[in-house]
PDB file of N, CA and C in Angstrom:
ATOM      1  N   UNK A   1      13.104  16.630 -18.699  1.00  0.00           N
ATOM      2  CA  UNK A   1      11.988  17.137 -17.917  1.00  0.00           C
ATOM      3  C   UNK A   1      10.725  16.298 -18.140  1.00  0.00           C
ATOM      4  N   UNK A   2      10.504  15.908 -19.384  1.00  0.00           N
ATOM      5  CA  UNK A   2       9.303  15.129 -19.689  1.00  0.00           C
ATOM      6  C   UNK A   2       9.356  13.765 -19.017  1.00  0.00           C
ATOM      7  N   UNK A   3      10.569  13.184 -18.900  1.00  0.00           N
ATOM      8  CA  UNK A   3      10.693  11.884 -18.248  1.00  0.00           C
ATOM      9  C   UNK A   3      10.381  11.971 -16.765  1.00  0.00           C
ATOM     10  N   UNK A   4      10.760  13.089 -16.161  1.00  0.00           N
ATOM     11  CA  UNK A   4      10.454  13.293 -14.747  1.00  0.00           C
ATOM     12  C   UNK A   4       8.944  13.380 -14.537  1.00  0.00           C
ATOM     13  N   UNK A   5       8.276  14.118 -15.393  1.00  0.00           N
ATOM     14  CA  UNK A   5       6.821  14.262 -15.280  1.00  0.00           C
ATOM     15  C   UNK A   5       6.126  12.924 -15.495  1.00  0.00           C
ATOM     16  N   UNK A   6       6.569  12.178 -16.494  1.00  0.00           N
ATOM     17  CA  UNK A   6       5.973  10.870 -16.743  1.00  0.00           C
ATOM     18  C   UNK A   6       6.208   9.901 -15.593  1.00  0.00           C
ATOM     19  N   UNK A   7       7.401   9.908 -15.034  1.00  0.00           N
ATOM     20  CA  UNK A   7       7.671   9.005 -13.916  1.00  0.00           C
ATOM     21  C   UNK A   7       6.896   9.432 -12.674  1.00  0.00           C
ATOM     22  N   UNK A   8       6.750  10.734 -12.467  1.00  0.00           N
ATOM     23  CA  UNK A   8       5.958  11.205 -11.332  1.00  0.00           C
ATOM     24  C   UNK A   8       4.493  10.799 -11.479  1.00  0.00           C
ATOM     25  N   UNK A   9       3.946  10.944 -12.669  1.00  0.00           N
ATOM     26  CA  UNK A   9       2.555  10.548 -12.905  1.00  0.00           C
ATOM     27  C   UNK A   9       2.372   9.042 -12.756  1.00  0.00           C
ATOM     28  N   UNK A  10       3.335   8.269 -13.232  1.00  0.00           N
ATOM     29  CA  UNK A  10       3.236   6.806 -13.095  1.00  0.00           C
ATOM     30  C   UNK A  10       3.290   6.395 -11.644  1.00  0.00           C
ATOM     31  N   UNK A  11       4.224   6.982 -10.862  1.00  0.00           N
ATOM     32  CA  UNK A  11       4.301   6.595  -9.452  1.00  0.00           C
ATOM     33  C   UNK A  11       3.111   7.092  -8.664  1.00  0.00           C
ATOM     34  N   UNK A  12       2.579   8.245  -8.998  1.00  0.00           N
ATOM     35  CA  UNK A  12       1.385   8.745  -8.299  1.00  0.00           C
ATOM     36  C   UNK A  12       0.185   7.853  -8.566  1.00  0.00           C
ATOM     37  N   UNK A  13       0.002   7.473  -9.820  1.00  0.00           N
ATOM     38  CA  UNK A  13      -1.113   6.587 -10.155  1.00  0.00           C
ATOM     39  C   UNK A  13      -0.951   5.226  -9.480  1.00  0.00           C
ATOM     40  N   UNK A  14       0.264   4.716  -9.451  1.00  0.00           N
ATOM     41  CA  UNK A  14       0.524   3.439  -8.795  1.00  0.00           C
ATOM     42  C   UNK A  14       0.263   3.508  -7.294  1.00  0.00           C
ATOM     43  N   UNK A  15       0.670   4.603  -6.660  1.00  0.00           N
ATOM     44  CA  UNK A  15       0.454   4.759  -5.226  1.00  0.00           C
ATOM     45  C   UNK A  15      -1.026   4.871  -4.893  1.00  0.00           C
ATOM     46  N   UNK A  16      -1.774   5.621  -5.684  1.00  0.00           N
ATOM     47  CA  UNK A  16      -3.215   5.761  -5.447  1.00  0.00           C
ATOM     48  C   UNK A  16      -3.919   4.432  -5.639  1.00  0.00           C
ATOM     49  N   UNK A  17      -3.562   3.707  -6.669  1.00  0.00           N
ATOM     50  CA  UNK A  17      -4.167   2.397  -6.929  1.00  0.00           C
ATOM     51  C   UNK A  17      -3.821   1.400  -5.831  1.00  0.00           C
ATOM     52  N   UNK A  18      -2.580   1.396  -5.372  1.00  0.00           N
ATOM     53  CA  UNK A  18      -2.168   0.469  -4.312  1.00  0.00           C
ATOM     54  C   UNK A  18      -2.885   0.778  -3.010  1.00  0.00           C
ATOM     55  N   UNK A  19      -3.017   2.050  -2.664  1.00  0.00           N
ATOM     56  CA  UNK A  19      -3.740   2.442  -1.459  1.00  0.00           C
ATOM     57  C   UNK A  19      -5.191   1.963  -1.514  1.00  0.00           C
ATOM     58  N   UNK A  20      -5.849   2.233  -2.634  1.00  0.00           N
ATOM     59  CA  UNK A  20      -7.260   1.862  -2.768  1.00  0.00           C
ATOM     60  C   UNK A  20      -7.446   0.341  -2.732  1.00  0.00           C
ATOM     61  N   UNK A  21      -6.574  -0.389  -3.393  1.00  0.00           N
ATOM     62  CA  UNK A  21      -6.693  -1.851  -3.405  1.00  0.00           C
ATOM     63  C   UNK A  21      -6.422  -2.458  -2.032  1.00  0.00           C
ATOM     64  N   UNK A  22      -5.417  -1.945  -1.323  1.00  0.00           N
ATOM     65  CA  UNK A  22      -5.110  -2.475   0.010  1.00  0.00           C
ATOM     66  C   UNK A  22      -6.252  -2.176   0.975  1.00  0.00           C
ATOM     67  N   UNK A  23      -6.779  -0.986   0.930  1.00  0.00           N
ATOM     68  CA  UNK A  23      -7.898  -0.620   1.811  1.00  0.00           C
ATOM     69  C   UNK A  23      -9.127  -1.463   1.512  1.00  0.00           C
ATOM     70  N   UNK A  24      -9.428  -1.635   0.237  1.00  0.00           N
ATOM     71  CA  UNK A  24     -10.578  -2.438  -0.155  1.00  0.00           C
ATOM     72  C   UNK A  24     -10.400  -3.899   0.248  1.00  0.00           C
ATOM     73  N   UNK A  25      -9.193  -4.441   0.071  1.00  0.00           N
ATOM     74  CA  UNK A  25      -8.943  -5.830   0.420  1.00  0.00           C
ATOM     75  C   UNK A  25      -9.105  -6.067   1.916  1.00  0.00           C
ATOM     76  N   UNK A  26      -8.571  -5.166   2.721  1.00  0.00           N
ATOM     77  CA  UNK A  26      -8.685  -5.318   4.174  1.00  0.00           C
ATOM     78  C   UNK A  26     -10.135  -5.169   4.609  1.00  0.00           C
ATOM     79  N   UNK A  27     -10.831  -4.204   4.033  1.00  0.00           N
ATOM     80  CA  UNK A  27     -12.215  -3.962   4.431  1.00  0.00           C
ATOM     81  C   UNK A  27     -13.134  -5.110   4.044  1.00  0.00           C
ATOM     82  N   UNK A  28     -12.950  -5.666   2.865  1.00  0.00           N
ATOM     83  CA  UNK A  28     -13.878  -6.688   2.385  1.00  0.00           C
ATOM     84  C   UNK A  28     -13.453  -8.117   2.737  1.00  0.00           C
ATOM     85  N   UNK A  29     -12.181  -8.448   2.568  1.00  0.00           N
ATOM     86  CA  UNK A  29     -11.744  -9.827   2.722  1.00  0.00           C
ATOM     87  C   UNK A  29     -11.185 -10.161   4.096  1.00  0.00           C
ATOM     88  N   UNK A  30     -10.534  -9.215   4.728  1.00  0.00           N
ATOM     89  CA  UNK A  30      -9.886  -9.487   6.004  1.00  0.00           C
ATOM     90  C   UNK A  30     -10.650  -8.888   7.177  1.00  0.00           C
ATOM     91  N   UNK A  31     -11.934  -8.730   7.001  1.00  0.00           N
ATOM     92  CA  UNK A  31     -12.769  -8.090   8.019  1.00  0.00           C
ATOM     93  C   UNK A  31     -12.714  -8.820   9.359  1.00  0.00           C
ATOM     94  N   UNK A  32     -12.733 -10.136   9.334  1.00  0.00           N
ATOM     95  CA  UNK A  32     -12.797 -10.910  10.569  1.00  0.00           C
ATOM     96  C   UNK A  32     -11.461 -11.525  10.972  1.00  0.00           C
ATOM     97  N   UNK A  33     -10.379 -11.060  10.381  1.00  0.00           N
ATOM     98  CA  UNK A  33      -9.040 -11.553  10.716  1.00  0.00           C
ATOM     99  C   UNK A  33      -8.463 -10.641  11.791  1.00  0.00           C
ATOM    100  N   UNK A  34      -8.183 -11.208  12.948  1.00  0.00           N
ATOM    101  CA  UNK A  34      -7.703 -10.404  14.063  1.00  0.00           C
ATOM    102  C   UNK A  34      -6.292  -9.857  13.847  1.00  0.00           C
ATOM    103  N   UNK A  35      -5.474 -10.548  13.087  1.00  0.00           N
ATOM    104  CA  UNK A  35      -4.094 -10.112  12.889  1.00  0.00           C
ATOM    105  C   UNK A  35      -4.017  -8.763  12.155  1.00  0.00           C
ATOM    106  N   UNK A  36      -4.998  -8.462  11.335  1.00  0.00           N
ATOM    107  CA  UNK A  36      -5.011  -7.188  10.623  1.00  0.00           C
ATOM    108  C   UNK A  36      -5.222  -6.020  11.585  1.00  0.00           C
ATOM    109  N   UNK A  37      -5.845  -6.285  12.706  1.00  0.00           N
ATOM    110  CA  UNK A  37      -6.118  -5.223  13.671  1.00  0.00           C
ATOM    111  C   UNK A  37      -4.919  -4.884  14.548  1.00  0.00           C
ATOM    112  N   UNK A  38      -3.818  -5.618  14.416  1.00  0.00           N
ATOM    113  CA  UNK A  38      -2.646  -5.312  15.229  1.00  0.00           C
ATOM    114  C   UNK A  38      -1.949  -4.066  14.680  1.00  0.00           C
ATOM    115  N   UNK A  39      -1.144  -3.450  15.525  1.00  0.00           N
ATOM    116  CA  UNK A  39      -0.445  -2.234  15.128  1.00  0.00           C
ATOM    117  C   UNK A  39       0.695  -2.531  14.146  1.00  0.00           C
ATOM    118  N   UNK A  40       1.142  -3.769  14.089  1.00  0.00           N
ATOM    119  CA  UNK A  40       2.251  -4.120  13.198  1.00  0.00           C
ATOM    120  C   UNK A  40       1.802  -4.478  11.783  1.00  0.00           C
ATOM    121  N   UNK A  41       0.543  -4.746  11.575  1.00  0.00           N
ATOM    122  CA  UNK A  41       0.072  -5.199  10.271  1.00  0.00           C
ATOM    123  C   UNK A  41       0.371  -4.210   9.140  1.00  0.00           C
ATOM    124  N   UNK A  42       0.112  -2.912   9.296  1.00  0.00           N
ATOM    125  CA  UNK A  42       0.450  -1.992   8.198  1.00  0.00           C
ATOM    126  C   UNK A  42       1.949  -1.905   7.939  1.00  0.00           C
ATOM    127  N   UNK A  43       2.746  -1.974   8.993  1.00  0.00           N
ATOM    128  CA  UNK A  43       4.202  -1.922   8.825  1.00  0.00           C
ATOM    129  C   UNK A  43       4.697  -3.143   8.069  1.00  0.00           C
ATOM    130  N   UNK A  44       4.177  -4.306   8.423  1.00  0.00           N
ATOM    131  CA  UNK A  44       4.598  -5.542   7.758  1.00  0.00           C
ATOM    132  C   UNK A  44       4.171  -5.542   6.296  1.00  0.00           C
ATOM    133  N   UNK A  45       2.930  -5.148   6.033  1.00  0.00           N
ATOM    134  CA  UNK A  45       2.436  -5.127   4.655  1.00  0.00           C
ATOM    135  C   UNK A  45       3.226  -4.134   3.803  1.00  0.00           C
ATOM    136  N   UNK A  46       3.499  -2.961   4.348  1.00  0.00           N
ATOM    137  CA  UNK A  46       4.263  -1.966   3.606  1.00  0.00           C
ATOM    138  C   UNK A  46       5.693  -2.390   3.357  1.00  0.00           C
ATOM    139  N   UNK A  47       6.324  -2.983   4.373  1.00  0.00           N
ATOM    140  CA  UNK A  47       7.715  -3.414   4.222  1.00  0.00           C
ATOM    141  C   UNK A  47       7.835  -4.550   3.207  1.00  0.00           C
ATOM    142  N   UNK A  48       6.928  -5.510   3.277  1.00  0.00           N
ATOM    143  CA  UNK A  48       6.972  -6.613   2.319  1.00  0.00           C
ATOM    144  C   UNK A  48       6.719  -6.133   0.894  1.00  0.00           C
ATOM    145  N   UNK A  49       5.811  -5.194   0.741  1.00  0.00           N
ATOM    146  CA  UNK A  49       5.558  -4.644  -0.586  1.00  0.00           C
ATOM    147  C   UNK A  49       6.780  -3.922  -1.122  1.00  0.00           C
ATOM    148  N   UNK A  50       7.427  -3.138  -0.286  1.00  0.00           N
ATOM    149  CA  UNK A  50       8.624  -2.419  -0.724  1.00  0.00           C
ATOM    150  C   UNK A  50       9.754  -3.377  -1.053  1.00  0.00           C
ATOM    151  N   UNK A  51       9.920  -4.413  -0.250  1.00  0.00           N
ATOM    152  CA  UNK A  51      10.990  -5.390  -0.503  1.00  0.00           C
ATOM    153  C   UNK A  51      10.768  -6.118  -1.822  1.00  0.00           C
ATOM    154  N   UNK A  52       9.522  -6.412  -2.141  1.00  0.00           N
ATOM    155  CA  UNK A  52       9.223  -7.080  -3.407  1.00  0.00           C
ATOM    156  C   UNK A  52       9.349  -6.105  -4.577  1.00  0.00           C
ATOM    157  N   UNK A  53       8.974  -4.840  -4.376  1.00  0.00           N
ATOM    158  CA  UNK A  53       8.963  -3.872  -5.468  1.00  0.00           C
ATOM    159  C   UNK A  53      10.340  -3.313  -5.804  1.00  0.00           C
ATOM    160  N   UNK A  54      11.264  -3.286  -4.860  1.00  0.00           N
ATOM    161  CA  UNK A  54      12.581  -2.702  -5.135  1.00  0.00           C
ATOM    162  C   UNK A  54      13.331  -3.455  -6.234  1.00  0.00           C
ATOM    163  N   UNK A  55      13.399  -4.783  -6.210  1.00  0.00           N
ATOM    164  CA  UNK A  55      14.077  -5.463  -7.336  1.00  0.00           C
ATOM    165  C   UNK A  55      13.333  -5.293  -8.662  1.00  0.00           C
ATOM    166  N   UNK A  56      12.014  -5.227  -8.608  1.00  0.00           N
ATOM    167  CA  UNK A  56      11.258  -5.029  -9.849  1.00  0.00           C
ATOM    168  C   UNK A  56      11.479  -3.640 -10.426  1.00  0.00           C
ATOM    169  N   UNK A  57      11.677  -2.659  -9.571  1.00  0.00           N
ATOM    170  CA  UNK A  57      11.883  -1.284 -10.036  1.00  0.00           C
ATOM    171  C   UNK A  57      13.191  -1.139 -10.790  1.00  0.00           C
ATOM    172  N   UNK A  58      14.134  -2.005 -10.539  1.00  0.00           N
ATOM    173  CA  UNK A  58      15.417  -1.933 -11.245  1.00  0.00           C
ATOM    174  C   UNK A  58      15.273  -2.245 -12.729  1.00  0.00           C
ATOM    175  N   UNK A  59      14.239  -2.987 -13.097  1.00  0.00           N
ATOM    176  CA  UNK A  59      14.061  -3.382 -14.484  1.00  0.00           C
ATOM    177  C   UNK A  59      13.075  -2.509 -15.251  1.00  0.00           C
ATOM    178  N   UNK A  60      12.350  -1.650 -14.571  1.00  0.00           N
ATOM    179  CA  UNK A  60      11.368  -0.793 -15.228  1.00  0.00           C
ATOM    180  C   UNK A  60      11.995   0.552 -15.563  1.00  0.00           C
ATOM    181  N   UNK A  61      11.666   1.123 -16.710  1.00  0.00           N
ATOM    182  CA  UNK A  61      12.360   2.332 -17.150  1.00  0.00           C
ATOM    183  C   UNK A  61      11.976   3.617 -16.437  1.00  0.00           C
ATOM    184  N   UNK A  62      10.740   3.809 -16.047  1.00  0.00           N
ATOM    185  CA  UNK A  62      10.303   5.085 -15.496  1.00  0.00           C
ATOM    186  C   UNK A  62      10.281   5.144 -13.976  1.00  0.00           C
ATOM    187  N   UNK A  63      10.455   4.024 -13.324  1.00  0.00           N
ATOM    188  CA  UNK A  63      10.346   4.010 -11.868  1.00  0.00           C
ATOM    189  C   UNK A  63      11.687   3.623 -11.256  1.00  0.00           C
ATOM    190  N   UNK A  64      11.826   3.971  -9.989  1.00  0.00           N
ATOM    191  CA  UNK A  64      13.062   3.661  -9.289  1.00  0.00           C
ATOM    192  C   UNK A  64      12.785   3.221  -7.874  1.00  0.00           C
ATOM    193  N   UNK A  65      13.779   3.352  -7.032  1.00  0.00           N
ATOM    194  CA  UNK A  65      13.656   2.941  -5.648  1.00  0.00           C
ATOM    195  C   UNK A  65      12.650   3.801  -4.895  1.00  0.00           C
ATOM    196  N   UNK A  66      12.602   5.073  -5.221  1.00  0.00           N
ATOM    197  CA  UNK A  66      11.630   5.967  -4.574  1.00  0.00           C
ATOM    198  C   UNK A  66      10.202   5.548  -4.850  1.00  0.00           C
ATOM    199  N   UNK A  67       9.947   5.101  -6.058  1.00  0.00           N
ATOM    200  CA  UNK A  67       8.611   4.619  -6.401  1.00  0.00           C
ATOM    201  C   UNK A  67       8.272   3.361  -5.621  1.00  0.00           C
ATOM    202  N   UNK A  68       9.231   2.470  -5.460  1.00  0.00           N
ATOM    203  CA  UNK A  68       9.004   1.246  -4.699  1.00  0.00           C
ATOM    204  C   UNK A  68       8.732   1.560  -3.241  1.00  0.00           C
ATOM    205  N   UNK A  69       9.462   2.510  -2.682  1.00  0.00           N
ATOM    206  CA  UNK A  69       9.221   2.898  -1.286  1.00  0.00           C
ATOM    207  C   UNK A  69       7.874   3.590  -1.126  1.00  0.00           C
ATOM    208  N   UNK A  70       7.505   4.413  -2.101  1.00  0.00           N
ATOM    209  CA  UNK A  70       6.195   5.058  -2.073  1.00  0.00           C
ATOM    210  C   UNK A  70       5.077   4.035  -2.187  1.00  0.00           C
ATOM    211  N   UNK A  71       5.293   3.012  -2.983  1.00  0.00           N
ATOM    212  CA  UNK A  71       4.317   1.930  -3.099  1.00  0.00           C
ATOM    213  C   UNK A  71       4.144   1.216  -1.766  1.00  0.00           C
ATOM    214  N   UNK A  72       5.243   0.912  -1.084  1.00  0.00           N
ATOM    215  CA  UNK A  72       5.165   0.279   0.230  1.00  0.00           C
ATOM    216  C   UNK A  72       4.445   1.159   1.242  1.00  0.00           C
ATOM    217  N   UNK A  73       4.731   2.461   1.203  1.00  0.00           N
ATOM    218  CA  UNK A  73       4.056   3.391   2.107  1.00  0.00           C
ATOM    219  C   UNK A  73       2.563   3.445   1.841  1.00  0.00           C
ATOM    220  N   UNK A  74       2.182   3.478   0.579  1.00  0.00           N
ATOM    221  CA  UNK A  74       0.758   3.566   0.262  1.00  0.00           C
ATOM    222  C   UNK A  74       0.019   2.283   0.630  1.00  0.00           C
ATOM    223  N   UNK A  75       0.654   1.132   0.479  1.00  0.00           N
ATOM    224  CA  UNK A  75       0.025  -0.119   0.895  1.00  0.00           C
ATOM    225  C   UNK A  75      -0.136  -0.157   2.412  1.00  0.00           C
ATOM    226  N   UNK A  76       0.882   0.260   3.129  1.00  0.00           N
ATOM    227  CA  UNK A  76       0.789   0.308   4.585  1.00  0.00           C
ATOM    228  C   UNK A  76      -0.305   1.244   5.064  1.00  0.00           C
ATOM    229  N   UNK A  77      -0.401   2.408   4.430  1.00  0.00           N
ATOM    230  CA  UNK A  77      -1.471   3.348   4.797  1.00  0.00           C
ATOM    231  C   UNK A  77      -2.848   2.810   4.428  1.00  0.00           C
ATOM    232  N   UNK A  78      -2.937   2.089   3.322  1.00  0.00           N
ATOM    233  CA  UNK A  78      -4.205   1.472   2.928  1.00  0.00           C
ATOM    234  C   UNK A  78      -4.649   0.393   3.900  1.00  0.00           C
ATOM    235  N   UNK A  79      -3.701  -0.399   4.382  1.00  0.00           N
ATOM    236  CA  UNK A  79      -4.016  -1.441   5.367  1.00  0.00           C
ATOM    237  C   UNK A  79      -4.467  -0.798   6.676  1.00  0.00           C
ATOM    238  N   UNK A  80      -3.783   0.250   7.090  1.00  0.00           N
ATOM    239  CA  UNK A  80      -4.163   0.935   8.330  1.00  0.00           C
ATOM    240  C   UNK A  80      -5.548   1.560   8.207  1.00  0.00           C
ATOM    241  N   UNK A  81      -5.831   2.160   7.071  1.00  0.00           N
ATOM    242  CA  UNK A  81      -7.140   2.782   6.871  1.00  0.00           C
ATOM    243  C   UNK A  81      -8.252   1.735   6.789  1.00  0.00           C
ATOM    244  N   UNK A  82      -7.985   0.631   6.113  1.00  0.00           N
ATOM    245  CA  UNK A  82      -8.977  -0.441   6.041  1.00  0.00           C
ATOM    246  C   UNK A  82      -9.260  -1.050   7.395  1.00  0.00           C
ATOM    247  N   UNK A  83      -8.214  -1.237   8.208  1.00  0.00           N
ATOM    248  CA  UNK A  83      -8.409  -1.786   9.559  1.00  0.00           C
ATOM    249  C   UNK A  83      -9.210  -0.813  10.420  1.00  0.00           C
ATOM    250  N   UNK A  84      -8.962   0.470  10.248  1.00  0.00           N
ATOM    251  CA  UNK A  84      -9.730   1.464  11.010  1.00  0.00           C
ATOM    252  C   UNK A  84     -11.198   1.453  10.582  1.00  0.00           C
ATOM    253  N   UNK A  85     -11.445   1.310   9.295  1.00  0.00           N
ATOM    254  CA  UNK A  85     -12.825   1.218   8.806  1.00  0.00           C
ATOM    255  C   UNK A  85     -13.537   0.011   9.395  1.00  0.00           C
ATOM    256  N   UNK A  86     -12.835  -1.117   9.466  1.00  0.00           N
ATOM    257  CA  UNK A  86     -13.441  -2.333  10.018  1.00  0.00           C
ATOM    258  C   UNK A  86     -13.741  -2.139  11.507  1.00  0.00           C
ATOM    259  N   UNK A  87     -12.806  -1.534  12.241  1.00  0.00           N
ATOM    260  CA  UNK A  87     -13.026  -1.298  13.675  1.00  0.00           C
ATOM    261  C   UNK A  87     -14.230  -0.386  13.912  1.00  0.00           C
ATOM    262  N   UNK A  88     -14.433   0.583  13.036  1.00  0.00           N
ATOM    263  CA  UNK A  88     -15.547   1.508  13.215  1.00  0.00           C
ATOM    264  C   UNK A  88     -16.878   0.903  12.830  1.00  0.00           C
ATOM    265  N   UNK A  89     -16.868  -0.113  11.954  1.00  0.00           N
ATOM    266  CA  UNK A  89     -18.115  -0.721  11.504  1.00  0.00           C
ATOM    267  C   UNK A  89     -18.571  -1.892  12.364  1.00  0.00           C
ATOM    268  N   UNK A  90     -17.635  -2.649  12.925  1.00  0.00           N
ATOM    269  CA  UNK A  90     -18.002  -3.833  13.695  1.00  0.00           C
ATOM    270  C   UNK A  90     -18.268  -3.488  15.159  1.00  0.00           C
ATOM    271  N   UNK A  91     -19.293  -4.046  15.727  1.00  0.00           N
ATOM    272  CA  UNK A  91     -19.513  -3.824  17.175  1.00  0.00           C
ATOM    273  C   UNK A  91     -18.519  -4.631  17.997  1.00  0.00           C
ATOM    274  N   UNK A  92     -18.131  -4.112  19.118  1.00  0.00           N
ATOM    275  CA  UNK A  92     -17.256  -4.844  20.013  1.00  0.00           C
ATOM    276  C   UNK A  92     -15.804  -4.463  19.910  1.00  0.00           C
ATOM    277  N   UNK A  93     -15.432  -3.596  18.991  1.00  0.00           N
ATOM    278  CA  UNK A  93     -14.024  -3.166  18.864  1.00  0.00           C
ATOM    279  C   UNK A  93     -13.859  -1.790  19.426  1.00  0.00           C
TER     280      UNK A  93
END
């Protein structure tokens, strides 16, 4: 039971951190990149993150495939939220 709680806390913290970092990166660094504003950008970012994280999750003791998929989802949602923030702040979008 304790391992489940620890793994849940680790994946939750990782998902929150990944969401915040992806949103911040898109908002600050990719503000003027048009490709981020496409509808496919969050899907691509999330899928690539999950594909990279799945093999790494096999070697870590507390995380698994579900954590890797949650990480990909949180990055995709962070990219989508950051792109929406940029669209709302810039004139002409």
